[in-house]
Amino acid sequence: MGHHIVTSTELLKKKRDDLRTKRDALFKTYSQPPHDFDLALQIKKIDDEVAECTDKMSQERLSERKSKPLPVPAIS
């Protein structure tokens, strides 16, 4: 019946994309009066969250690779 299971990597990617969208909107606002330190701190916090999502996604990909068995060479 075509059910799609959402993986944690997909959830992290969605979160990261949402954070980037929010960050870009804040940065656009920040670039108008670039001395608004509150906005700068908000942008920094989002940048840190984006980096955290990216790291978790990388760790999951690495973990998936490590869990796959190595192919057994054919003996002739």
C-alpha atoms as a PDB file:
ATOM      1  CA  MET A   1       0.000   0.000   0.000  1.00  0.00           C
ATOM      2  CA  GLY A   2       2.944   2.338  -0.473  1.00  0.00           C
ATOM      3  CA  HIS A   3       3.631   3.271   3.148  1.00  0.00           C
ATOM      4  CA  HIS A   4       6.765   5.311   3.573  1.00  0.00           C
ATOM      5  CA  ILE A   5       8.749   5.006   6.781  1.00  0.00           C
ATOM      6  CA  VAL A   6      10.442   8.256   7.763  1.00  0.00           C
ATOM      7  CA  THR A   7      14.031   7.677   8.868  1.00  0.00           C
ATOM      8  CA  SER A   8      15.816   9.703  11.486  1.00  0.00           C
ATOM      9  CA  THR A   9      18.143  10.996   8.753  1.00  0.00           C
ATOM     10  CA  GLU A  10      15.128  12.336   6.851  1.00  0.00           C
ATOM     11  CA  LEU A  11      13.836  14.001  10.025  1.00  0.00           C
ATOM     12  CA  LEU A  12      17.225  15.578  10.681  1.00  0.00           C
ATOM     13  CA  LYS A  13      17.433  16.809   7.092  1.00  0.00           C
ATOM     14  CA  LYS A  14      13.955  18.368   7.372  1.00  0.00           C
ATOM     15  CA  LYS A  15      14.892  20.023  10.678  1.00  0.00           C
ATOM     16  CA  ARG A  16      18.151  21.308   9.180  1.00  0.00           C
ATOM     17  CA  ASP A  17      16.330  22.710   6.126  1.00  0.00           C
ATOM     18  CA  ASP A  18      13.734  24.407   8.340  1.00  0.00           C
ATOM     19  CA  LEU A  19      16.504  25.909  10.479  1.00  0.00           C
ATOM     20  CA  ARG A  20      18.323  27.193   7.396  1.00  0.00           C
ATOM     21  CA  THR A  21      15.128  28.847   6.146  1.00  0.00           C
ATOM     22  CA  LYS A  22      14.610  30.530   9.520  1.00  0.00           C
ATOM     23  CA  ARG A  23      18.276  31.564   9.641  1.00  0.00           C
ATOM     24  CA  ASP A  24      18.185  33.074   6.160  1.00  0.00           C
ATOM     25  CA  ALA A  25      15.119  35.162   7.083  1.00  0.00           C
ATOM     26  CA  LEU A  26      16.821  36.390  10.265  1.00  0.00           C
ATOM     27  CA  PHE A  27      20.029  37.186   8.402  1.00  0.00           C
ATOM     28  CA  LYS A  28      18.105  39.219   5.848  1.00  0.00           C
ATOM     29  CA  THR A  29      16.595  41.244   8.708  1.00  0.00           C
ATOM     30  CA  TYR A  30      19.990  41.482  10.436  1.00  0.00           C
ATOM     31  CA  SER A  31      21.714  42.820   7.329  1.00  0.00           C
ATOM     32  CA  GLN A  32      19.517  45.946   7.454  1.00  0.00           C
ATOM     33  CA  PRO A  33      20.828  47.135  10.874  1.00  0.00           C
ATOM     34  CA  PRO A  34      23.980  44.982  11.249  1.00  0.00           C
ATOM     35  CA  HIS A  35      24.570  46.171  14.821  1.00  0.00           C
ATOM     36  CA  ASP A  36      21.577  44.248  16.211  1.00  0.00           C
ATOM     37  CA  PHE A  37      23.394  41.863  18.521  1.00  0.00           C
ATOM     38  CA  ASP A  38      20.200  40.066  19.562  1.00  0.00           C
ATOM     39  CA  LEU A  39      19.624  38.978  15.957  1.00  0.00           C
ATOM     40  CA  ALA A  40      23.270  38.021  15.623  1.00  0.00           C
ATOM     41  CA  LEU A  41      22.950  35.748  18.664  1.00  0.00           C
ATOM     42  CA  GLN A  42      19.780  34.169  17.270  1.00  0.00           C
ATOM     43  CA  ILE A  43      21.543  33.498  13.972  1.00  0.00           C
ATOM     44  CA  LYS A  44      24.533  31.992  15.814  1.00  0.00           C
ATOM     45  CA  LYS A  45      22.246  29.675  17.791  1.00  0.00           C
ATOM     46  CA  ILE A  46      20.545  28.486  14.588  1.00  0.00           C
ATOM     47  CA  ASP A  47      23.922  27.990  12.888  1.00  0.00           C
ATOM     48  CA  ASP A  48      24.963  25.794  15.830  1.00  0.00           C
ATOM     49  CA  GLU A  49      21.750  23.748  15.534  1.00  0.00           C
ATOM     50  CA  VAL A  50      22.277  23.313  11.775  1.00  0.00           C
ATOM     51  CA  ALA A  51      25.823  22.089  12.433  1.00  0.00           C
ATOM     52  CA  GLU A  52      24.533  19.677  15.087  1.00  0.00           C
ATOM     53  CA  CYS A  53      21.960  18.227  12.648  1.00  0.00           C
ATOM     54  CA  THR A  54      24.630  17.857   9.977  1.00  0.00           C
ATOM     55  CA  ASP A  55      26.948  16.076  12.433  1.00  0.00           C
ATOM     56  CA  LYS A  56      24.198  13.681  13.527  1.00  0.00           C
ATOM     57  CA  MET A  57      23.343  12.916   9.901  1.00  0.00           C
ATOM     58  CA  SER A  58      27.015  12.184   9.170  1.00  0.00           C
ATOM     59  CA  GLN A  59      27.255   9.917  12.218  1.00  0.00           C
ATOM     60  CA  GLU A  60      24.146   8.016  11.132  1.00  0.00           C
ATOM     61  CA  ARG A  61      25.475   7.536   7.599  1.00  0.00           C
ATOM     62  CA  LEU A  62      28.785   6.299   8.992  1.00  0.00           C
ATOM     63  CA  SER A  63      26.977   3.971  11.385  1.00  0.00           C
ATOM     64  CA  GLU A  64      24.872   2.590   8.521  1.00  0.00           C
ATOM     65  CA  ARG A  65      28.007   1.915   6.474  1.00  0.00           C
ATOM     66  CA  LYS A  66      29.708   0.155   9.371  1.00  0.00           C
ATOM     67  CA  SER A  67      26.670  -2.055  10.000  1.00  0.00           C
ATOM     68  CA  LYS A  68      26.563  -3.351   6.419  1.00  0.00           C
ATOM     69  CA  PRO A  69      28.467  -6.611   5.987  1.00  0.00           C
ATOM     70  CA  LEU A  70      31.426  -6.625   3.644  1.00  0.00           C
ATOM     71  CA  PRO A  71      30.917  -8.578   0.427  1.00  0.00           C
ATOM     72  CA  VAL A  72      32.460 -12.030   0.462  1.00  0.00           C
ATOM     73  CA  PRO A  73      34.751 -12.568  -2.517  1.00  0.00           C
ATOM     74  CA  ALA A  74      33.864 -15.516  -4.729  1.00  0.00           C
ATOM     75  CA  ILE A  75      36.372 -18.334  -4.628  1.00  0.00           C
ATOM     76  CA  SER A  76      37.097 -19.825  -8.055  1.00  0.00           C
END
